[in-house]
């Protein structure tokens, strides 16, 4: 087995699957400003914009992946 020079490191509370980010946002904010719960479509739009909307922190987000094993997660940069 070849040693991976840049292993994927996951950070709890920072890295999310789409489902877990939806769960996190629904738990933290209860619902969107429209009164509807957060959905996968919302997450896709936030990823296109590369940040959460300002009412939900405006934090930058991006996809972190390890193509060798097919893992993709959404990283939310809460400290920026």
PDB file of N, CA and C in Angstrom:
ATOM      1  N   UNK A   1       0.840  -1.175   0.000  1.00  0.00           N
ATOM      2  CA  UNK A   1       0.000   0.000   0.000  1.00  0.00           C
ATOM      3  C   UNK A   1       0.889   1.244   0.000  1.00  0.00           C
ATOM      4  N   UNK A   2       0.602   2.166  -0.892  1.00  0.00           N
ATOM      5  CA  UNK A   2       1.364   3.410  -0.990  1.00  0.00           C
ATOM      6  C   UNK A   2       0.882   4.387   0.078  1.00  0.00           C
ATOM      7  N   UNK A   3       1.833   5.029   0.736  1.00  0.00           N
ATOM      8  CA  UNK A   3       1.485   5.999   1.766  1.00  0.00           C
ATOM      9  C   UNK A   3       0.924   7.255   1.117  1.00  0.00           C
ATOM     10  N   UNK A   4      -0.209   7.725   1.623  1.00  0.00           N
ATOM     11  CA  UNK A   4      -0.840   8.941   1.110  1.00  0.00           C
ATOM     12  C   UNK A   4      -0.122  10.148   1.710  1.00  0.00           C
ATOM     13  N   UNK A   5       0.345  11.062   0.867  1.00  0.00           N
ATOM     14  CA  UNK A   5       1.101  12.223   1.334  1.00  0.00           C
ATOM     15  C   UNK A   5       0.202  13.290   1.944  1.00  0.00           C
ATOM     16  N   UNK A   6      -1.072  13.323   1.567  1.00  0.00           N
ATOM     17  CA  UNK A   6      -1.978  14.318   2.129  1.00  0.00           C
ATOM     18  C   UNK A   6      -3.288  13.638   2.535  1.00  0.00           C
ATOM     19  N   UNK A   7      -3.274  12.971   3.698  1.00  0.00           N
ATOM     20  CA  UNK A   7      -4.488  12.276   4.137  1.00  0.00           C
ATOM     21  C   UNK A   7      -5.603  13.273   4.442  1.00  0.00           C
ATOM     22  N   UNK A   8      -6.810  12.812   4.228  1.00  0.00           N
ATOM     23  CA  UNK A   8      -7.977  13.626   4.535  1.00  0.00           C
ATOM     24  C   UNK A   8      -8.187  13.604   6.043  1.00  0.00           C
ATOM     25  N   UNK A   9      -8.194  14.757   6.646  1.00  0.00           N
ATOM     26  CA  UNK A   9      -8.454  14.875   8.076  1.00  0.00           C
ATOM     27  C   UNK A   9      -9.813  15.524   8.240  1.00  0.00           C
ATOM     28  N   UNK A  10     -10.690  14.884   9.003  1.00  0.00           N
ATOM     29  CA  UNK A  10     -12.032  15.413   9.242  1.00  0.00           C
ATOM     30  C   UNK A  10     -12.097  16.053  10.616  1.00  0.00           C
ATOM     31  N   UNK A  11     -12.863  17.137  10.709  1.00  0.00           N
ATOM     32  CA  UNK A  11     -12.987  17.886  11.946  1.00  0.00           C
ATOM     33  C   UNK A  11     -14.447  17.936  12.376  1.00  0.00           C
ATOM     34  N   UNK A  12     -14.800  17.272  13.489  1.00  0.00           N
ATOM     35  CA  UNK A  12     -16.174  17.320  13.971  1.00  0.00           C
ATOM     36  C   UNK A  12     -16.607  18.757  14.239  1.00  0.00           C
ATOM     37  N   UNK A  13     -17.831  19.085  13.859  1.00  0.00           N
ATOM     38  CA  UNK A  13     -18.350  20.435  14.062  1.00  0.00           C
ATOM     39  C   UNK A  13     -17.923  21.409  12.985  1.00  0.00           C
ATOM     40  N   UNK A  14     -17.090  20.964  12.050  1.00  0.00           N
ATOM     41  CA  UNK A  14     -16.613  21.796  10.944  1.00  0.00           C
ATOM     42  C   UNK A  14     -16.910  21.111   9.612  1.00  0.00           C
ATOM     43  N   UNK A  15     -16.744  19.792   9.575  1.00  0.00           N
ATOM     44  CA  UNK A  15     -16.982  18.999   8.366  1.00  0.00           C
ATOM     45  C   UNK A  15     -18.312  18.269   8.497  1.00  0.00           C
ATOM     46  N   UNK A  16     -19.121  18.346   7.438  1.00  0.00           N
ATOM     47  CA  UNK A  16     -20.460  17.789   7.458  1.00  0.00           C
ATOM     48  C   UNK A  16     -20.759  17.065   6.151  1.00  0.00           C
ATOM     49  N   UNK A  17     -21.568  16.019   6.215  1.00  0.00           N
ATOM     50  CA  UNK A  17     -22.218  15.528   5.000  1.00  0.00           C
ATOM     51  C   UNK A  17     -23.378  16.497   4.748  1.00  0.00           C
ATOM     52  N   UNK A  18     -23.981  16.428   3.578  1.00  0.00           N
ATOM     53  CA  UNK A  18     -25.126  17.295   3.298  1.00  0.00           C
ATOM     54  C   UNK A  18     -26.226  17.083   4.331  1.00  0.00           C
ATOM     55  N   UNK A  19     -26.521  15.810   4.621  1.00  0.00           N
ATOM     56  CA  UNK A  19     -27.594  15.506   5.575  1.00  0.00           C
ATOM     57  C   UNK A  19     -27.292  16.069   6.964  1.00  0.00           C
ATOM     58  N   UNK A  20     -26.058  15.961   7.406  1.00  0.00           N
ATOM     59  CA  UNK A  20     -25.694  16.468   8.733  1.00  0.00           C
ATOM     60  C   UNK A  20     -25.683  17.994   8.777  1.00  0.00           C
ATOM     61  N   UNK A  21     -25.310  18.647   7.676  1.00  0.00           N
ATOM     62  CA  UNK A  21     -25.353  20.108   7.642  1.00  0.00           C
ATOM     63  C   UNK A  21     -26.802  20.581   7.682  1.00  0.00           C
ATOM     64  N   UNK A  22     -27.684  19.902   6.975  1.00  0.00           N
ATOM     65  CA  UNK A  22     -29.116  20.234   7.025  1.00  0.00           C
ATOM     66  C   UNK A  22     -29.623  20.076   8.462  1.00  0.00           C
ATOM     67  N   UNK A  23     -29.265  18.962   9.085  1.00  0.00           N
ATOM     68  CA  UNK A  23     -29.674  18.713  10.472  1.00  0.00           C
ATOM     69  C   UNK A  23     -29.136  19.801  11.399  1.00  0.00           C
ATOM     70  N   UNK A  24     -27.876  20.168  11.228  1.00  0.00           N
ATOM     71  CA  UNK A  24     -27.241  21.210  12.042  1.00  0.00           C
ATOM     72  C   UNK A  24     -27.979  22.545  11.885  1.00  0.00           C
ATOM     73  N   UNK A  25     -28.232  22.949  10.642  1.00  0.00           N
ATOM     74  CA  UNK A  25     -28.894  24.234  10.398  1.00  0.00           C
ATOM     75  C   UNK A  25     -30.326  24.237  10.931  1.00  0.00           C
ATOM     76  N   UNK A  26     -31.057  23.134  10.728  1.00  0.00           N
ATOM     77  CA  UNK A  26     -32.426  23.054  11.239  1.00  0.00           C
ATOM     78  C   UNK A  26     -32.460  23.076  12.759  1.00  0.00           C
ATOM     79  N   UNK A  27     -31.447  22.480  13.389  1.00  0.00           N
ATOM     80  CA  UNK A  27     -31.383  22.475  14.852  1.00  0.00           C
ATOM     81  C   UNK A  27     -31.007  23.858  15.385  1.00  0.00           C
ATOM     82  N   UNK A  28     -30.017  24.475  14.753  1.00  0.00           N
ATOM     83  CA  UNK A  28     -29.526  25.777  15.235  1.00  0.00           C
ATOM     84  C   UNK A  28     -30.502  26.920  14.953  1.00  0.00           C
ATOM     85  N   UNK A  29     -31.096  26.943  13.738  1.00  0.00           N
ATOM     86  CA  UNK A  29     -31.946  28.057  13.339  1.00  0.00           C
ATOM     87  C   UNK A  29     -33.429  27.688  13.276  1.00  0.00           C
ATOM     88  N   UNK A  30     -33.790  26.451  13.547  1.00  0.00           N
ATOM     89  CA  UNK A  30     -35.148  25.918  13.519  1.00  0.00           C
ATOM     90  C   UNK A  30     -35.708  25.827  12.101  1.00  0.00           C
ATOM     91  N   UNK A  31     -35.540  26.900  11.310  1.00  0.00           N
ATOM     92  CA  UNK A  31     -36.028  26.930   9.931  1.00  0.00           C
ATOM     93  C   UNK A  31     -35.432  28.140   9.221  1.00  0.00           C
ATOM     94  N   UNK A  32     -35.644  28.187   7.917  1.00  0.00           N
ATOM     95  CA  UNK A  32     -35.182  29.341   7.138  1.00  0.00           C
ATOM     96  C   UNK A  32     -36.102  30.523   7.423  1.00  0.00           C
ATOM     97  N   UNK A  33     -35.732  31.694   6.940  1.00  0.00           N
ATOM     98  CA  UNK A  33     -36.547  32.891   7.130  1.00  0.00           C
ATOM     99  C   UNK A  33     -37.940  32.733   6.521  1.00  0.00           C
ATOM    100  N   UNK A  34     -38.055  31.839   5.533  1.00  0.00           N
ATOM    101  CA  UNK A  34     -39.348  31.596   4.894  1.00  0.00           C
ATOM    102  C   UNK A  34     -40.264  30.748   5.764  1.00  0.00           C
ATOM    103  N   UNK A  35     -39.725  30.164   6.833  1.00  0.00           N
ATOM    104  CA  UNK A  35     -40.495  29.275   7.687  1.00  0.00           C
ATOM    105  C   UNK A  35     -40.361  27.817   7.293  1.00  0.00           C
ATOM    106  N   UNK A  36     -39.703  27.546   6.171  1.00  0.00           N
ATOM    107  CA  UNK A  36     -39.511  26.182   5.695  1.00  0.00           C
ATOM    108  C   UNK A  36     -38.216  25.617   6.274  1.00  0.00           C
ATOM    109  N   UNK A  37     -38.130  24.297   6.414  1.00  0.00           N
ATOM    110  CA  UNK A  37     -36.873  23.694   6.875  1.00  0.00           C
ATOM    111  C   UNK A  37     -35.806  23.768   5.788  1.00  0.00           C
ATOM    112  N   UNK A  38     -34.554  23.680   6.189  1.00  0.00           N
ATOM    113  CA  UNK A  38     -33.445  23.638   5.241  1.00  0.00           C
ATOM    114  C   UNK A  38     -33.521  22.324   4.462  1.00  0.00           C
ATOM    115  N   UNK A  39     -33.106  22.364   3.187  1.00  0.00           N
ATOM    116  CA  UNK A  39     -33.170  21.185   2.321  1.00  0.00           C
ATOM    117  C   UNK A  39     -31.843  20.990   1.596  1.00  0.00           C
ATOM    118  N   UNK A  40     -31.750  19.876   0.892  1.00  0.00           N
ATOM    119  CA  UNK A  40     -30.571  19.597   0.074  1.00  0.00           C
ATOM    120  C   UNK A  40     -30.383  20.678  -0.988  1.00  0.00           C
ATOM    121  N   UNK A  41     -31.466  21.150  -1.566  1.00  0.00           N
ATOM    122  CA  UNK A  41     -31.388  22.220  -2.565  1.00  0.00           C
ATOM    123  C   UNK A  41     -30.757  23.481  -1.999  1.00  0.00           C
ATOM    124  N   UNK A  42     -31.072  23.793  -0.755  1.00  0.00           N
ATOM    125  CA  UNK A  42     -30.465  24.965  -0.108  1.00  0.00           C
ATOM    126  C   UNK A  42     -28.951  24.783   0.003  1.00  0.00           C
ATOM    127  N   UNK A  43     -28.538  23.594   0.419  1.00  0.00           N
ATOM    128  CA  UNK A  43     -27.110  23.318   0.581  1.00  0.00           C
ATOM    129  C   UNK A  43     -26.399  23.437  -0.765  1.00  0.00           C
ATOM    130  N   UNK A  44     -27.020  22.933  -1.835  1.00  0.00           N
ATOM    131  CA  UNK A  44     -26.423  23.036  -3.171  1.00  0.00           C
ATOM    132  C   UNK A  44     -26.235  24.494  -3.578  1.00  0.00           C
ATOM    133  N   UNK A  45     -27.213  25.336  -3.286  1.00  0.00           N
ATOM    134  CA  UNK A  45     -27.090  26.761  -3.606  1.00  0.00           C
ATOM    135  C   UNK A  45     -26.001  27.430  -2.774  1.00  0.00           C
ATOM    136  N   UNK A  46     -25.912  27.078  -1.507  1.00  0.00           N
ATOM    137  CA  UNK A  46     -24.875  27.660  -0.650  1.00  0.00           C
ATOM    138  C   UNK A  46     -23.487  27.264  -1.160  1.00  0.00           C
ATOM    139  N   UNK A  47     -23.354  26.019  -1.624  1.00  0.00           N
ATOM    140  CA  UNK A  47     -22.066  25.574  -2.174  1.00  0.00           C
ATOM    141  C   UNK A  47     -21.725  26.324  -3.459  1.00  0.00           C
ATOM    142  N   UNK A  48     -22.709  26.598  -4.294  1.00  0.00           N
ATOM    143  CA  UNK A  48     -22.454  27.387  -5.517  1.00  0.00           C
ATOM    144  C   UNK A  48     -21.979  28.789  -5.161  1.00  0.00           C
ATOM    145  N   UNK A  49     -22.569  29.375  -4.120  1.00  0.00           N
ATOM    146  CA  UNK A  49     -22.206  30.731  -3.681  1.00  0.00           C
ATOM    147  C   UNK A  49     -20.931  30.737  -2.834  1.00  0.00           C
ATOM    148  N   UNK A  50     -20.567  29.537  -2.323  1.00  0.00           N
ATOM    149  CA  UNK A  50     -19.368  29.344  -1.509  1.00  0.00           C
ATOM    150  C   UNK A  50     -19.453  29.983  -0.125  1.00  0.00           C
ATOM    151  N   UNK A  51     -20.677  30.188   0.350  1.00  0.00           N
ATOM    152  CA  UNK A  51     -20.861  30.673   1.729  1.00  0.00           C
ATOM    153  C   UNK A  51     -22.310  30.471   2.154  1.00  0.00           C
ATOM    154  N   UNK A  52     -22.492  30.419   3.458  1.00  0.00           N
ATOM    155  CA  UNK A  52     -23.846  30.391   4.002  1.00  0.00           C
ATOM    156  C   UNK A  52     -24.424  31.795   3.905  1.00  0.00           C
ATOM    157  N   UNK A  53     -25.732  31.937   3.809  1.00  0.00           N
ATOM    158  CA  UNK A  53     -26.318  33.283   3.797  1.00  0.00           C
ATOM    159  C   UNK A  53     -26.019  34.038   5.097  1.00  0.00           C
ATOM    160  N   UNK A  54     -26.001  35.358   5.016  1.00  0.00           N
ATOM    161  CA  UNK A  54     -25.676  36.191   6.188  1.00  0.00           C
ATOM    162  C   UNK A  54     -26.560  35.903   7.398  1.00  0.00           C
ATOM    163  N   UNK A  55     -27.887  35.674   7.229  1.00  0.00           N
ATOM    164  CA  UNK A  55     -28.698  35.381   8.416  1.00  0.00           C
ATOM    165  C   UNK A  55     -28.270  34.102   9.147  1.00  0.00           C
ATOM    166  N   UNK A  56     -27.506  33.246   8.476  1.00  0.00           N
ATOM    167  CA  UNK A  56     -27.057  31.985   9.070  1.00  0.00           C
ATOM    168  C   UNK A  56     -25.550  31.990   9.275  1.00  0.00           C
ATOM    169  N   UNK A  57     -24.982  33.170   9.423  1.00  0.00           N
ATOM    170  CA  UNK A  57     -23.571  33.310   9.765  1.00  0.00           C
ATOM    171  C   UNK A  57     -22.682  33.811   8.640  1.00  0.00           C
ATOM    172  N   UNK A  58     -23.084  33.600   7.373  1.00  0.00           N
ATOM    173  CA  UNK A  58     -22.280  34.058   6.241  1.00  0.00           C
ATOM    174  C   UNK A  58     -20.933  33.373   6.119  1.00  0.00           C
ATOM    175  N   UNK A  59     -20.753  32.247   6.804  1.00  0.00           N
ATOM    176  CA  UNK A  59     -19.469  31.551   6.825  1.00  0.00           C
ATOM    177  C   UNK A  59     -19.122  30.961   5.459  1.00  0.00           C
ATOM    178  N   UNK A  60     -17.849  31.065   5.047  1.00  0.00           N
ATOM    179  CA  UNK A  60     -17.415  30.412   3.807  1.00  0.00           C
ATOM    180  C   UNK A  60     -17.545  28.894   3.937  1.00  0.00           C
ATOM    181  N   UNK A  61     -17.890  28.233   2.834  1.00  0.00           N
ATOM    182  CA  UNK A  61     -17.974  26.779   2.812  1.00  0.00           C
ATOM    183  C   UNK A  61     -17.353  26.270   1.517  1.00  0.00           C
ATOM    184  N   UNK A  62     -16.870  25.044   1.564  1.00  0.00           N
ATOM    185  CA  UNK A  62     -16.402  24.387   0.344  1.00  0.00           C
ATOM    186  C   UNK A  62     -16.444  22.880   0.525  1.00  0.00           C
ATOM    187  N   UNK A  63     -16.198  22.177  -0.569  1.00  0.00           N
ATOM    188  CA  UNK A  63     -16.174  20.721  -0.530  1.00  0.00           C
ATOM    189  C   UNK A  63     -14.739  20.263  -0.375  1.00  0.00           C
ATOM    190  N   UNK A  64     -14.517  19.364   0.571  1.00  0.00           N
ATOM    191  CA  UNK A  64     -13.220  18.734   0.778  1.00  0.00           C
ATOM    192  C   UNK A  64     -13.404  17.280   0.384  1.00  0.00           C
ATOM    193  N   UNK A  65     -12.491  16.771  -0.443  1.00  0.00           N
ATOM    194  CA  UNK A  65     -12.675  15.393  -0.885  1.00  0.00           C
ATOM    195  C   UNK A  65     -11.371  14.611  -0.925  1.00  0.00           C
ATOM    196  N   UNK A  66     -11.538  13.313  -0.895  1.00  0.00           N
ATOM    197  CA  UNK A  66     -10.448  12.367  -1.079  1.00  0.00           C
ATOM    198  C   UNK A  66     -10.889  11.459  -2.231  1.00  0.00           C
ATOM    199  N   UNK A  67     -10.507  11.813  -3.459  1.00  0.00           N
ATOM    200  CA  UNK A  67     -10.990  11.069  -4.618  1.00  0.00           C
ATOM    201  C   UNK A  67     -10.556   9.607  -4.647  1.00  0.00           C
ATOM    202  N   UNK A  68      -9.453   9.300  -3.968  1.00  0.00           N
ATOM    203  CA  UNK A  68      -8.982   7.917  -3.961  1.00  0.00           C
ATOM    204  C   UNK A  68      -9.983   6.970  -3.311  1.00  0.00           C
ATOM    205  N   UNK A  69     -10.716   7.475  -2.337  1.00  0.00           N
ATOM    206  CA  UNK A  69     -11.710   6.619  -1.681  1.00  0.00           C
ATOM    207  C   UNK A  69     -13.140   7.108  -1.890  1.00  0.00           C
ATOM    208  N   UNK A  70     -13.308   8.222  -2.591  1.00  0.00           N
ATOM    209  CA  UNK A  70     -14.641   8.700  -2.943  1.00  0.00           C
ATOM    210  C   UNK A  70     -15.396   9.397  -1.825  1.00  0.00           C
ATOM    211  N   UNK A  71     -14.675  10.036  -0.921  1.00  0.00           N
ATOM    212  CA  UNK A  71     -15.312  10.738   0.190  1.00  0.00           C
ATOM    213  C   UNK A  71     -15.348  12.233  -0.108  1.00  0.00           C
ATOM    214  N   UNK A  72     -16.534  12.829   0.065  1.00  0.00           N
ATOM    215  CA  UNK A  72     -16.688  14.279  -0.057  1.00  0.00           C
ATOM    216  C   UNK A  72     -17.446  14.773   1.156  1.00  0.00           C
ATOM    217  N   UNK A  73     -16.956  15.842   1.756  1.00  0.00           N
ATOM    218  CA  UNK A  73     -17.650  16.468   2.882  1.00  0.00           C
ATOM    219  C   UNK A  73     -17.674  17.975   2.652  1.00  0.00           C
ATOM    220  N   UNK A  74     -18.575  18.619   3.338  1.00  0.00           N
ATOM    221  CA  UNK A  74     -18.697  20.075   3.274  1.00  0.00           C
ATOM    222  C   UNK A  74     -17.996  20.645   4.499  1.00  0.00           C
ATOM    223  N   UNK A  75     -17.051  21.524   4.267  1.00  0.00           N
ATOM    224  CA  UNK A  75     -16.331  22.170   5.375  1.00  0.00           C
ATOM    225  C   UNK A  75     -16.868  23.591   5.526  1.00  0.00           C
ATOM    226  N   UNK A  76     -17.273  23.908   6.747  1.00  0.00           N
ATOM    227  CA  UNK A  76     -17.776  25.244   7.085  1.00  0.00           C
ATOM    228  C   UNK A  76     -16.696  25.948   7.894  1.00  0.00           C
ATOM    229  N   UNK A  77     -16.261  27.097   7.411  1.00  0.00           N
ATOM    230  CA  UNK A  77     -15.196  27.861   8.068  1.00  0.00           C
ATOM    231  C   UNK A  77     -15.818  28.842   9.046  1.00  0.00           C
ATOM    232  N   UNK A  78     -16.158  28.349  10.246  1.00  0.00           N
ATOM    233  CA  UNK A  78     -16.827  29.168  11.251  1.00  0.00           C
ATOM    234  C   UNK A  78     -15.941  30.285  11.777  1.00  0.00           C
ATOM    235  N   UNK A  79     -14.625  30.115  11.760  1.00  0.00           N
ATOM    236  CA  UNK A  79     -13.712  31.113  12.335  1.00  0.00           C
ATOM    237  C   UNK A  79     -13.393  32.264  11.397  1.00  0.00           C
ATOM    238  N   UNK A  80     -13.851  32.205  10.155  1.00  0.00           N
ATOM    239  CA  UNK A  80     -13.518  33.280   9.204  1.00  0.00           C
ATOM    240  C   UNK A  80     -14.617  34.282   9.096  1.00  0.00           C
TER     241      UNK A  80
END
